[in-house]
Structures are given as C-alpha cells and as structure tokens.
C-alpha cells in the first residue's frame, strides 16, 4: 500500500496510490494511515481518486483511520470513483464522512 501526504496550515492531504482497498490490504492501510496522519492539522483529506474498488474490510479500515485521528480532528474523503462512492452511500457512510467529487472540491470547501 502506497500513501503519500502533503500538508498546509489547515489541512493534511493523504493520497492513496492503489486501485484497491480490500481485505488483503486493510491492515497495511491502517498502519500506513496511522503513520501519515500521526500529526498535523485538524482536517485530513483522504484522496481516493486512484481507488477503483473497496470492500467491507477497506471500508472498516477507513473508519478505523478516522477513529485513530481522535477528537478534534476530521477525516474527509475526496475523489471517489462511482463504484467507491456507491459503497459509501449504500452503507450510509456518507452520513459519517464528508464526500467530495474531487480533491479540488474538498480543498476549496472549508469544513467546520
């Protein structure tokens, strides 16, 4: 699993460089997210634009990553492909996360 991150004063952007977040990758994803998001601004944007498939394990790993951030920090999701977006909406996770069509949309929106 390859994740990279950049940070501004108000936001840390973590980009996923993998086509899948599934059972085979979920544990590594959580560890990599913990490392990438260990410190930094209160808002974290997870750029999922390269992810074409996510299963329940991947969804659970993203939820676990949100919980690892702790109180006072927020995880927003950006660049969801139609298939990934559908998984988040069918599981009602769109009520837990702010979903943005693109990374640019997420960056342009200040979320309180």
C-alpha atoms as a PDB file:
ATOM      1  CA  UNK A   1       0.000   0.000   0.000  1.00  0.00           C
ATOM      2  CA  UNK A   2       1.432   3.306  -1.001  1.00  0.00           C
ATOM      3  CA  UNK A   3       0.278   6.507   0.652  1.00  0.00           C
ATOM      4  CA  UNK A   4       1.800   9.960   0.306  1.00  0.00           C
ATOM      5  CA  UNK A   5       0.899  13.139   2.105  1.00  0.00           C
ATOM      6  CA  UNK A   6       1.265  16.880   1.888  1.00  0.00           C
ATOM      7  CA  UNK A   7       0.252  19.436   4.473  1.00  0.00           C
ATOM      8  CA  UNK A   8      -0.827  23.030   4.610  1.00  0.00           C
ATOM      9  CA  UNK A   9      -1.517  25.070   7.719  1.00  0.00           C
ATOM     10  CA  UNK A  10      -5.094  23.847   7.928  1.00  0.00           C
ATOM     11  CA  UNK A  11      -5.174  20.513   6.075  1.00  0.00           C
ATOM     12  CA  UNK A  12      -3.200  17.328   5.589  1.00  0.00           C
ATOM     13  CA  UNK A  13      -3.871  15.577   2.280  1.00  0.00           C
ATOM     14  CA  UNK A  14      -3.176  11.848   2.141  1.00  0.00           C
ATOM     15  CA  UNK A  15      -3.267  10.260  -1.313  1.00  0.00           C
ATOM     16  CA  UNK A  16      -3.846   6.542  -1.857  1.00  0.00           C
ATOM     17  CA  UNK A  17      -1.756   5.099  -4.708  1.00  0.00           C
ATOM     18  CA  UNK A  18      -3.571   1.773  -5.097  1.00  0.00           C
ATOM     19  CA  UNK A  19      -6.507   0.557  -7.161  1.00  0.00           C
ATOM     20  CA  UNK A  20      -8.000  -1.471  -4.301  1.00  0.00           C
ATOM     21  CA  UNK A  21      -8.532  -1.225  -0.573  1.00  0.00           C
ATOM     22  CA  UNK A  22      -9.674  -4.710   0.349  1.00  0.00           C
ATOM     23  CA  UNK A  23      -9.139  -7.449   2.925  1.00  0.00           C
ATOM     24  CA  UNK A  24      -5.630  -8.145   1.648  1.00  0.00           C
ATOM     25  CA  UNK A  25      -4.584  -4.519   2.187  1.00  0.00           C
ATOM     26  CA  UNK A  26      -6.728  -3.326   5.100  1.00  0.00           C
ATOM     27  CA  UNK A  27      -4.229  -3.920   7.915  1.00  0.00           C
ATOM     28  CA  UNK A  28      -1.373  -2.290   5.995  1.00  0.00           C
ATOM     29  CA  UNK A  29      -3.642   0.609   5.048  1.00  0.00           C
ATOM     30  CA  UNK A  30      -4.497   1.268   8.717  1.00  0.00           C
ATOM     31  CA  UNK A  31      -0.799   1.183   9.683  1.00  0.00           C
ATOM     32  CA  UNK A  32       0.178   3.493   6.832  1.00  0.00           C
ATOM     33  CA  UNK A  33      -2.658   5.891   7.679  1.00  0.00           C
ATOM     34  CA  UNK A  34      -1.579   5.966  11.317  1.00  0.00           C
ATOM     35  CA  UNK A  35       1.939   6.921  10.232  1.00  0.00           C
ATOM     36  CA  UNK A  36       0.838   9.526   7.675  1.00  0.00           C
ATOM     37  CA  UNK A  37      -1.788  11.165   9.904  1.00  0.00           C
ATOM     38  CA  UNK A  38       0.100  10.950  13.196  1.00  0.00           C
ATOM     39  CA  UNK A  39       0.440  14.692  13.492  1.00  0.00           C
ATOM     40  CA  UNK A  40      -0.639  17.769  11.658  1.00  0.00           C
ATOM     41  CA  UNK A  41      -3.684  19.912  11.122  1.00  0.00           C
ATOM     42  CA  UNK A  42      -7.166  19.113  12.429  1.00  0.00           C
ATOM     43  CA  UNK A  43      -8.502  18.349   8.944  1.00  0.00           C
ATOM     44  CA  UNK A  44      -7.289  15.353   6.962  1.00  0.00           C
ATOM     45  CA  UNK A  45      -8.439  14.759   3.388  1.00  0.00           C
ATOM     46  CA  UNK A  46      -8.060  11.226   2.037  1.00  0.00           C
ATOM     47  CA  UNK A  47      -7.713  11.358  -1.750  1.00  0.00           C
ATOM     48  CA  UNK A  48      -9.255   8.154  -3.129  1.00  0.00           C
ATOM     49  CA  UNK A  49      -9.186   9.107  -6.812  1.00  0.00           C
ATOM     50  CA  UNK A  50      -6.940   6.131  -7.730  1.00  0.00           C
ATOM     51  CA  UNK A  51      -9.095   3.620  -5.831  1.00  0.00           C
ATOM     52  CA  UNK A  52     -11.419   1.656  -8.103  1.00  0.00           C
ATOM     53  CA  UNK A  53     -12.622  -0.965  -5.602  1.00  0.00           C
ATOM     54  CA  UNK A  54     -13.280  -1.090  -1.881  1.00  0.00           C
ATOM     55  CA  UNK A  55     -14.779  -3.919   0.151  1.00  0.00           C
ATOM     56  CA  UNK A  56     -16.097  -4.064   3.711  1.00  0.00           C
ATOM     57  CA  UNK A  57     -12.580  -4.567   5.103  1.00  0.00           C
ATOM     58  CA  UNK A  58     -11.388  -1.468   3.274  1.00  0.00           C
ATOM     59  CA  UNK A  59     -14.382   0.487   4.498  1.00  0.00           C
ATOM     60  CA  UNK A  60     -13.637  -0.668   8.031  1.00  0.00           C
ATOM     61  CA  UNK A  61     -10.007   0.385   7.659  1.00  0.00           C
ATOM     62  CA  UNK A  62     -11.046   3.902   6.643  1.00  0.00           C
ATOM     63  CA  UNK A  63     -13.458   4.115   9.604  1.00  0.00           C
ATOM     64  CA  UNK A  64     -10.690   2.868  11.921  1.00  0.00           C
ATOM     65  CA  UNK A  65      -8.358   5.517  10.473  1.00  0.00           C
ATOM     66  CA  UNK A  66     -10.923   8.193  11.252  1.00  0.00           C
ATOM     67  CA  UNK A  67     -11.140   6.958  14.842  1.00  0.00           C
ATOM     68  CA  UNK A  68      -7.333   6.927  15.144  1.00  0.00           C
ATOM     69  CA  UNK A  69      -7.298  10.661  14.457  1.00  0.00           C
ATOM     70  CA  UNK A  70      -9.001  11.234  17.786  1.00  0.00           C
ATOM     71  CA  UNK A  71     -11.311  14.006  18.855  1.00  0.00           C
ATOM     72  CA  UNK A  72     -10.799  17.405  17.346  1.00  0.00           C
ATOM     73  CA  UNK A  73      -9.563  16.013  14.010  1.00  0.00           C
ATOM     74  CA  UNK A  74     -11.716  15.230  10.976  1.00  0.00           C
ATOM     75  CA  UNK A  75     -11.301  12.882   8.007  1.00  0.00           C
ATOM     76  CA  UNK A  76     -12.903  13.951   4.717  1.00  0.00           C
ATOM     77  CA  UNK A  77     -12.892  11.806   1.570  1.00  0.00           C
ATOM     78  CA  UNK A  78     -12.249  13.122  -1.936  1.00  0.00           C
ATOM     79  CA  UNK A  79     -12.165  11.839  -5.494  1.00  0.00           C
ATOM     80  CA  UNK A  80     -14.377   8.810  -5.029  1.00  0.00           C
ATOM     81  CA  UNK A  81     -14.860   6.843  -8.229  1.00  0.00           C
ATOM     82  CA  UNK A  82     -18.502   5.874  -8.955  1.00  0.00           C
ATOM     83  CA  UNK A  83     -18.022   2.334  -7.614  1.00  0.00           C
ATOM     84  CA  UNK A  84     -16.387   3.500  -4.371  1.00  0.00           C
ATOM     85  CA  UNK A  85     -18.929   6.298  -3.954  1.00  0.00           C
ATOM     86  CA  UNK A  86     -21.742   3.742  -4.281  1.00  0.00           C
ATOM     87  CA  UNK A  87     -20.259   1.615  -1.467  1.00  0.00           C
ATOM     88  CA  UNK A  88     -20.130   4.628   0.864  1.00  0.00           C
ATOM     89  CA  UNK A  89     -23.703   5.635   0.043  1.00  0.00           C
ATOM     90  CA  UNK A  90     -25.167   2.100   0.259  1.00  0.00           C
ATOM     91  CA  UNK A  91     -23.591   1.614   3.688  1.00  0.00           C
ATOM     92  CA  UNK A  92     -24.734   5.097   4.773  1.00  0.00           C
ATOM     93  CA  UNK A  93     -21.136   6.090   5.425  1.00  0.00           C
ATOM     94  CA  UNK A  94     -21.925   9.296   3.537  1.00  0.00           C
ATOM     95  CA  UNK A  95     -23.574  10.361   6.823  1.00  0.00           C
ATOM     96  CA  UNK A  96     -20.287   9.803   8.674  1.00  0.00           C
ATOM     97  CA  UNK A  97     -17.838  11.334   6.185  1.00  0.00           C
ATOM     98  CA  UNK A  98     -17.939  14.435   4.023  1.00  0.00           C
ATOM     99  CA  UNK A  99     -17.612  13.112   0.457  1.00  0.00           C
ATOM    100  CA  UNK A 100     -16.197  15.354  -2.273  1.00  0.00           C
ATOM    101  CA  UNK A 101     -16.227  14.644  -6.006  1.00  0.00           C
ATOM    102  CA  UNK A 102     -12.623  15.802  -6.378  1.00  0.00           C
ATOM    103  CA  UNK A 103      -9.638  16.805  -4.295  1.00  0.00           C
ATOM    104  CA  UNK A 104     -10.009  20.364  -5.608  1.00  0.00           C
ATOM    105  CA  UNK A 105     -13.611  20.451  -4.346  1.00  0.00           C
ATOM    106  CA  UNK A 106     -12.512  19.231  -0.921  1.00  0.00           C
ATOM    107  CA  UNK A 107      -9.697  21.775  -0.684  1.00  0.00           C
ATOM    108  CA  UNK A 108     -12.000  24.606  -1.776  1.00  0.00           C
ATOM    109  CA  UNK A 109     -14.560  23.745   0.911  1.00  0.00           C
ATOM    110  CA  UNK A 110     -13.798  24.766   4.462  1.00  0.00           C
ATOM    111  CA  UNK A 111     -15.459  22.233   6.713  1.00  0.00           C
ATOM    112  CA  UNK A 112     -16.014  23.149  10.329  1.00  0.00           C
END
